[in-house]
Amino acid sequence: MNTRTITATPRSAAGLPLGALAAGLGFGCVALVPLLVDDPFLIHSLIMVLFFAYMASAWNFLCGYVGQLSLGHAMFSGVGGYVSVLMFTQLGLSPWIGMLFGGLLAAGLSVLIGYPTFRLKGPYFTLTTIAFAEIVRIWVENTNDFIGVPLKGAEGLVVPAAGDSLWAFQFSSKTPYFYIILAMLALVMLATRLMERSKLGYCLKAVRGDRDAAEALGINPTPSTLMALAISAFMTALGGSFYAQFFRYINPERNMGLELSIDMAVMTIIGGQGTVAGPLLGALILTPISEMARSHLGGGLPGLHLVVYGLVLMACVLYFPKGAIAPLGRIAKRLTDRRGSRP
C-alpha cells in the first residue's frame, strides 16, 4: 500500500500562511520609509533597488523556472520604454497607456523570437538571445527616423516636462515613483507565487528538471514556455517604461543594453532562481555594492568597481550555489519546526 506524506503549510495564529504574513509585513515596513525619511538620495537608491528587484523577478518568471539563461531580456525593456515615450510625445497619450501597449508589443515579439529559439539548449539558446537583443539595439542606435517616427538613434529621446501630473507619469517628488515601483514589485512577486502553484508552474518545473522526461510523460514544453516568456516579456517591458519615465530619458544603451540583461540574470542567480524572493534578495545584495563601488572606485580607477562586483559575485556563487535564499530558508524552517514542536 502506497502512502503519501503531506506537509502542511506553516500558518500563523490567525490562520494565514507565514510566508504571506512575512511578505505583507515586509512590504508594509518598506512602505513606511518615505514617511520616516526625508532624504532624496536614499529614496532614489531604494527606488533603484526595487526597480532591479522587479526586473530580476520578471526575468525569473521564465528563466528561473525553465532553467534557460536568457541574456536578451533588455530588448523587451527597451521596447516598453520606447513605446511609452513615443506614444506620449507623438500621440499625446498617457504613459500609463503606453506601458500597456509596450508590454503587449514586447509579449508578441517574444513569442516570435521564442518559438524558434526554445528549440535550442544551453549556451546556444543564450547566444541566440544575445544576438537578437544586440541586433535590435544596434538597429535602434543607428536609426534616426523609422516610417516617420523619430527614434533619434544613439542620442535617445527626452520626455518633455508636463508638470506634476499622475496622468503624465511625472512627479516633483521621488516618493510617488517609490510607491509605484513598490506596487509593481509586489504584483510581480504575487504573480510568480500564483504561477508556482498553477499548472503552468508545474509544467515549467518539469521541463527544467528533465525536458526529455517531461515530453515522455506527455508534457508539451512549447506552449508552457512560450506563455511564460510572453508574461515575462510583458512585465519586463512595464519595468522599461517605468525606467524611462522615472529618468525622463531613454536611449538604446541604457534601456536595452547587454549590461541590463546581465544584471537581471546575475541578481536572480545570486538571490536564488526559481524562487519568489530570490530576485529581491539578489537586488538587495548587489545593487548597493554596485552603486558604492561605482561611486567610490569608478572615478579614480576606471573599471575597478567591476572587479569588486565580480569578486562579490564569485564569492556568492562559491558559497551559496543555490542562491542566498537557501540558507535563509533553512533558518526559517528551523524556527518554524521549533515553534511547531512547542506544546
Protein backbone atom coordinates (compact mmCIF):
# COMPACT_ATOMS: atom_id res chain seq x y z
CA MET A 1 0.00 0.00 0.00
CA ASN A 2 1.42 3.37 -1.06
CA THR A 3 1.45 6.18 1.43
CA ARG A 4 1.92 9.86 0.80
CA THR A 5 3.24 12.36 3.29
CA ILE A 6 1.51 15.70 3.13
CA THR A 7 3.37 18.65 4.58
CA ALA A 8 1.09 21.40 5.80
CA THR A 9 1.97 24.98 5.02
CA PRO A 10 3.13 26.75 8.20
CA ARG A 11 0.48 29.17 9.36
CA SER A 12 0.24 31.98 11.85
CA ALA A 13 -2.13 32.12 14.78
CA ALA A 14 -4.60 33.97 12.56
CA GLY A 15 -4.57 31.13 10.05
CA LEU A 16 -2.53 32.97 7.41
CA PRO A 17 0.47 31.30 5.74
CA LEU A 18 3.64 32.53 7.44
CA GLY A 19 5.27 33.36 4.11
CA ALA A 20 2.38 35.61 3.08
CA LEU A 21 2.33 37.21 6.52
CA ALA A 22 6.07 37.88 6.42
CA ALA A 23 5.81 39.33 2.89
CA GLY A 24 2.95 41.60 3.93
CA LEU A 25 4.81 42.86 6.98
CA GLY A 26 7.96 43.39 4.92
CA PHE A 27 6.22 45.43 2.23
CA GLY A 28 4.33 47.35 4.92
CA CYS A 29 7.57 48.32 6.65
CA VAL A 30 9.18 49.35 3.36
CA ALA A 31 6.13 51.47 2.51
CA LEU A 32 6.72 53.49 5.70
CA VAL A 33 10.25 54.54 4.68
CA PRO A 34 9.28 57.71 2.72
CA LEU A 35 7.11 58.79 5.65
CA LEU A 36 10.01 58.47 8.09
CA VAL A 37 12.97 59.52 5.93
CA ASP A 38 13.28 62.80 4.05
CA ASP A 39 16.47 62.11 2.11
CA PRO A 40 16.04 62.24 -1.70
CA PHE A 41 19.26 60.29 -2.29
CA LEU A 42 18.15 57.44 -0.01
CA ILE A 43 14.72 57.34 -1.66
CA HIS A 44 16.38 57.30 -5.08
CA SER A 45 18.66 54.44 -4.01
CA LEU A 46 15.70 52.45 -2.69
CA ILE A 47 13.82 53.04 -5.94
CA MET A 48 16.76 51.58 -7.89
CA VAL A 49 16.89 48.55 -5.58
CA LEU A 50 13.16 47.97 -6.06
CA PHE A 51 13.47 48.53 -9.81
CA PHE A 52 16.21 45.93 -10.21
CA ALA A 53 14.32 43.56 -7.92
CA TYR A 54 11.30 43.97 -10.19
CA MET A 55 13.30 43.41 -13.38
CA ALA A 56 15.05 40.37 -11.90
CA SER A 57 11.68 38.97 -10.81
CA ALA A 58 10.32 39.43 -14.35
CA TRP A 59 13.39 37.60 -15.72
CA ASN A 60 12.99 34.89 -13.08
CA PHE A 61 9.36 34.28 -14.11
CA LEU A 62 10.68 32.47 -17.17
CA CYS A 63 14.37 31.70 -16.84
CA GLY A 64 14.36 30.81 -13.16
CA TYR A 65 11.66 28.18 -13.63
CA VAL A 66 12.59 26.85 -17.09
CA GLY A 67 16.32 26.75 -16.41
CA GLN A 68 17.33 28.52 -19.64
CA LEU A 69 19.71 31.51 -19.40
CA SER A 70 18.39 34.44 -21.41
CA LEU A 71 20.63 37.47 -21.84
CA GLY A 72 18.31 39.28 -24.21
CA HIS A 73 15.56 40.48 -21.86
CA ALA A 74 16.82 44.06 -22.04
CA MET A 75 15.34 44.15 -25.55
CA PHE A 76 11.85 43.90 -24.04
CA SER A 77 12.70 46.66 -21.58
CA GLY A 78 13.72 48.89 -24.48
CA VAL A 79 10.56 48.10 -26.43
CA GLY A 80 8.37 49.03 -23.48
CA GLY A 81 10.30 52.21 -22.78
CA TYR A 82 10.35 53.45 -26.37
CA VAL A 83 6.67 52.69 -26.99
CA SER A 84 5.53 54.54 -23.85
CA VAL A 85 7.73 57.57 -24.60
CA LEU A 86 6.78 57.74 -28.28
CA MET A 87 3.06 57.40 -27.59
CA PHE A 88 3.35 60.27 -25.11
CA THR A 89 5.47 62.57 -27.28
CA GLN A 90 3.92 61.79 -30.67
CA LEU A 91 0.30 60.93 -29.88
CA GLY A 92 -0.22 62.71 -26.58
CA LEU A 93 -1.34 59.51 -24.83
CA SER A 94 -0.66 58.90 -21.17
CA PRO A 95 2.48 56.82 -20.43
CA TRP A 96 0.22 54.51 -18.43
CA ILE A 97 -1.49 53.57 -21.70
CA GLY A 98 1.87 53.41 -23.45
CA MET A 99 3.13 50.98 -20.81
CA LEU A 100 0.35 48.53 -21.64
CA PHE A 101 0.85 48.83 -25.41
CA GLY A 102 4.60 48.46 -24.96
CA GLY A 103 4.07 45.37 -22.84
CA LEU A 104 1.75 43.80 -25.41
CA LEU A 105 4.20 44.54 -28.23
CA ALA A 106 7.06 43.04 -26.23
CA ALA A 107 4.96 39.94 -25.49
CA GLY A 108 4.17 39.48 -29.18
CA LEU A 109 7.80 39.98 -30.14
CA SER A 110 8.88 37.46 -27.51
CA VAL A 111 6.62 34.78 -28.98
CA LEU A 112 8.02 35.38 -32.48
CA ILE A 113 11.57 35.08 -31.17
CA GLY A 114 10.89 32.35 -28.63
CA TYR A 115 9.25 29.83 -30.95
CA PRO A 116 12.47 29.04 -32.88
CA THR A 117 14.95 29.74 -30.07
CA PHE A 118 13.38 27.43 -27.48
CA ARG A 119 14.39 24.53 -29.70
CA LEU A 120 17.97 25.35 -28.70
CA LYS A 121 19.54 24.36 -25.40
CA GLY A 122 22.33 25.53 -23.12
CA PRO A 123 24.80 28.10 -24.45
CA TYR A 124 23.22 28.06 -27.92
CA PHE A 125 19.99 29.46 -26.50
CA THR A 126 21.90 32.10 -24.51
CA LEU A 127 23.96 33.22 -27.51
CA THR A 128 20.84 33.43 -29.66
CA THR A 129 19.07 35.69 -27.15
CA ILE A 130 22.14 37.95 -27.03
CA ALA A 131 22.20 38.08 -30.83
CA PHE A 132 18.52 39.10 -31.14
CA ALA A 133 18.85 41.75 -28.43
CA GLU A 134 22.03 43.22 -29.92
CA ILE A 135 20.52 43.30 -33.41
CA VAL A 136 17.56 45.33 -32.13
CA ARG A 137 19.80 47.62 -30.03
CA ILE A 138 22.23 48.33 -32.87
CA TRP A 139 19.35 48.96 -35.28
CA VAL A 140 17.72 51.48 -32.92
CA GLU A 141 21.11 53.04 -32.19
CA ASN A 142 21.68 53.72 -35.90
CA THR A 143 18.15 54.74 -36.86
CA ASN A 144 17.16 58.38 -36.58
CA ASP A 145 13.75 58.02 -38.20
CA PHE A 146 11.56 54.98 -38.91
CA ILE A 147 8.48 55.44 -41.14
CA GLY A 148 8.12 58.95 -39.80
CA VAL A 149 8.66 58.03 -36.14
CA PRO A 150 11.69 59.84 -34.64
CA LEU A 151 13.92 57.39 -32.76
CA LYS A 152 16.97 59.74 -32.76
CA GLY A 153 19.41 56.85 -32.73
CA ALA A 154 22.10 56.85 -30.07
CA GLU A 155 21.05 60.32 -28.94
CA GLY A 156 17.90 58.92 -27.42
CA LEU A 157 14.59 60.54 -26.57
CA VAL A 158 13.86 63.11 -23.88
CA VAL A 159 10.47 63.04 -22.17
CA PRO A 160 9.08 66.61 -22.19
CA ALA A 161 8.16 68.07 -18.83
CA ALA A 162 4.44 68.11 -18.11
CA GLY A 163 4.42 69.30 -14.52
CA ASP A 164 3.30 67.34 -11.50
CA SER A 165 0.79 65.02 -13.16
CA LEU A 166 -0.32 61.47 -12.46
CA TRP A 167 -1.72 61.27 -16.00
CA ALA A 168 1.69 62.16 -17.47
CA PHE A 169 3.56 59.87 -15.02
CA GLN A 170 5.58 62.87 -13.79
CA PHE A 171 6.02 63.97 -10.20
CA SER A 172 8.01 66.71 -8.50
CA SER A 173 8.94 64.31 -5.68
CA LYS A 174 10.51 60.86 -5.87
CA THR A 175 8.05 59.45 -3.36
CA PRO A 176 5.28 58.62 -5.89
CA TYR A 177 7.82 56.74 -8.03
CA PHE A 178 8.81 54.79 -4.91
CA TYR A 179 5.27 53.62 -4.27
CA ILE A 180 4.66 52.82 -7.94
CA ILE A 181 7.69 50.54 -8.25
CA LEU A 182 6.95 49.01 -4.84
CA ALA A 183 3.44 48.11 -6.04
CA MET A 184 4.85 46.74 -9.31
CA LEU A 185 7.31 44.56 -7.38
CA ALA A 186 4.53 43.26 -5.10
CA LEU A 187 2.40 42.36 -8.12
CA VAL A 188 5.17 40.53 -9.99
CA MET A 189 6.07 38.55 -6.85
CA LEU A 190 2.39 37.68 -6.33
CA ALA A 191 2.14 36.60 -9.98
CA THR A 192 5.22 34.42 -9.55
CA ARG A 193 3.76 32.81 -6.44
CA LEU A 194 0.46 32.09 -8.18
CA MET A 195 2.30 30.69 -11.20
CA GLU A 196 4.31 28.38 -8.94
CA ARG A 197 1.12 26.67 -7.77
CA SER A 198 -0.58 26.59 -11.16
CA LYS A 199 -0.46 24.03 -13.95
CA LEU A 200 1.94 26.35 -15.80
CA GLY A 201 4.35 26.33 -12.88
CA TYR A 202 4.35 22.55 -12.59
CA CYS A 203 4.97 22.20 -16.33
CA LEU A 204 7.87 24.66 -16.23
CA LYS A 205 9.46 22.86 -13.28
CA ALA A 206 9.11 19.55 -15.08
CA VAL A 207 10.80 20.97 -18.17
CA ARG A 208 13.59 22.41 -16.03
CA GLY A 209 14.13 19.09 -14.25
CA ASP A 210 14.33 16.94 -17.39
CA ARG A 211 12.92 18.14 -20.68
CA ASP A 212 13.09 14.72 -22.34
CA ALA A 213 11.37 13.02 -19.39
CA ALA A 214 8.65 15.71 -19.38
CA GLU A 215 8.00 15.11 -23.07
CA ALA A 216 7.89 11.36 -22.46
CA LEU A 217 5.16 11.95 -19.87
CA GLY A 218 3.09 13.82 -22.44
CA ILE A 219 4.01 17.39 -21.48
CA ASN A 220 4.45 19.66 -24.50
CA PRO A 221 7.05 22.23 -23.34
CA THR A 222 6.50 24.71 -26.18
CA PRO A 223 3.10 26.21 -25.16
CA SER A 224 4.11 26.49 -21.50
CA THR A 225 7.49 28.10 -22.16
CA LEU A 226 6.05 30.49 -24.75
CA MET A 227 3.30 31.58 -22.34
CA ALA A 228 5.84 32.15 -19.57
CA LEU A 229 8.09 34.04 -21.99
CA ALA A 230 5.24 36.30 -23.10
CA ILE A 231 4.28 37.11 -19.50
CA SER A 232 7.93 37.68 -18.58
CA ALA A 233 8.45 39.97 -21.59
CA PHE A 234 5.26 41.91 -20.77
CA MET A 235 6.40 42.54 -17.19
CA THR A 236 9.94 43.44 -18.32
CA ALA A 237 8.50 45.99 -20.76
CA LEU A 238 6.49 47.58 -17.94
CA GLY A 239 9.74 47.94 -16.00
CA GLY A 240 11.44 49.53 -19.00
CA SER A 241 8.56 52.02 -19.26
CA PHE A 242 8.92 52.90 -15.59
CA TYR A 243 12.66 53.44 -16.02
CA ALA A 244 12.15 55.76 -18.98
CA GLN A 245 9.51 57.82 -17.19
CA PHE A 246 11.49 57.96 -13.95
CA PHE A 247 14.60 59.38 -15.63
CA ARG A 248 12.56 61.16 -18.35
CA TYR A 249 15.06 59.95 -20.91
CA ILE A 250 15.65 56.81 -22.93
CA ASN A 251 18.39 55.61 -25.25
CA PRO A 252 19.37 52.18 -26.60
CA GLU A 253 22.41 51.72 -24.37
CA ARG A 254 20.67 52.40 -21.08
CA ASN A 255 17.35 50.69 -21.75
CA MET A 256 18.25 47.73 -23.95
CA GLY A 257 21.97 47.18 -23.46
CA LEU A 258 23.53 43.84 -22.59
CA GLU A 259 24.51 45.13 -19.14
CA LEU A 260 20.86 45.35 -18.08
CA SER A 261 20.21 41.76 -19.16
CA ILE A 262 23.26 40.60 -17.23
CA ASP A 263 22.12 42.50 -14.12
CA MET A 264 18.71 40.81 -14.22
CA ALA A 265 20.25 37.36 -14.60
CA VAL A 266 23.03 37.81 -12.03
CA MET A 267 20.74 39.22 -9.33
CA THR A 268 18.36 36.31 -9.76
CA ILE A 269 21.14 33.72 -9.69
CA ILE A 270 22.76 35.29 -6.62
CA GLY A 271 19.47 35.59 -4.75
CA GLY A 272 18.10 32.22 -5.82
CA GLN A 273 16.49 31.48 -9.17
CA GLY A 274 13.25 29.60 -9.26
CA THR A 275 12.11 31.23 -6.01
CA VAL A 276 9.74 34.11 -5.32
CA ALA A 277 12.01 36.14 -3.02
CA GLY A 278 15.36 35.27 -4.60
CA PRO A 279 15.46 38.17 -7.12
CA LEU A 280 14.57 40.66 -4.38
CA LEU A 281 17.35 39.33 -2.16
CA GLY A 282 19.82 39.46 -5.06
CA ALA A 283 18.92 43.08 -5.76
CA LEU A 284 19.30 43.96 -2.07
CA ILE A 285 22.80 42.44 -2.11
CA LEU A 286 24.18 43.58 -5.46
CA THR A 287 22.60 46.98 -6.17
CA PRO A 288 24.12 48.81 -3.14
CA ILE A 289 27.50 47.10 -3.69
CA SER A 290 27.47 48.06 -7.36
CA GLU A 291 26.49 51.68 -6.67
CA MET A 292 29.04 52.13 -3.86
CA ALA A 293 31.83 50.52 -5.90
CA ARG A 294 31.00 52.69 -8.90
CA SER A 295 30.84 55.93 -6.88
CA HIS A 296 33.96 55.32 -4.77
CA LEU A 297 36.16 53.40 -7.20
CA GLY A 298 34.83 54.07 -10.67
CA GLY A 299 36.12 57.65 -10.91
CA GLY A 300 39.73 57.28 -9.81
CA LEU A 301 40.33 53.77 -11.14
CA PRO A 302 38.01 53.12 -14.08
CA GLY A 303 36.86 49.52 -14.22
CA LEU A 304 37.88 48.65 -10.64
CA HIS A 305 34.27 48.72 -9.50
CA LEU A 306 33.58 45.93 -11.96
CA VAL A 307 36.36 43.87 -10.36
CA VAL A 308 34.79 44.32 -6.91
CA TYR A 309 31.38 43.44 -8.36
CA GLY A 310 32.87 40.29 -9.91
CA LEU A 311 34.57 39.23 -6.67
CA VAL A 312 31.31 39.51 -4.75
CA LEU A 313 29.60 37.53 -7.50
CA MET A 314 32.21 34.73 -7.35
CA ALA A 315 32.02 34.54 -3.56
CA CYS A 316 28.23 34.21 -3.65
CA VAL A 317 28.35 31.51 -6.32
CA LEU A 318 31.02 29.54 -4.45
CA TYR A 319 29.45 29.67 -1.00
CA PHE A 320 25.76 29.82 -1.99
CA PRO A 321 25.41 27.78 -5.20
CA LYS A 322 21.62 27.64 -4.77
CA GLY A 323 21.40 31.33 -4.04
CA ALA A 324 21.50 33.39 -0.87
CA ILE A 325 17.87 32.49 -0.26
CA ALA A 326 18.82 28.87 0.56
CA PRO A 327 20.48 29.47 3.98
CA LEU A 328 17.73 31.91 4.92
CA GLY A 329 15.17 29.26 4.02
CA ARG A 330 16.92 26.73 6.25
CA ILE A 331 16.95 29.17 9.15
CA ALA A 332 13.25 29.92 8.68
CA LYS A 333 12.47 26.19 8.55
CA ARG A 334 14.32 25.56 11.79
CA LEU A 335 12.45 28.37 13.50
CA THR A 336 9.14 27.06 12.19
CA ASP A 337 9.92 23.49 13.26
CA ARG A 338 10.96 24.69 16.72
CA ARG A 339 7.79 26.71 17.02
CA GLY A 340 5.68 23.73 15.88
CA SER A 341 7.33 21.38 18.36
CA ARG A 342 6.36 23.51 21.36
CA PRO A 343 3.44 22.12 23.38
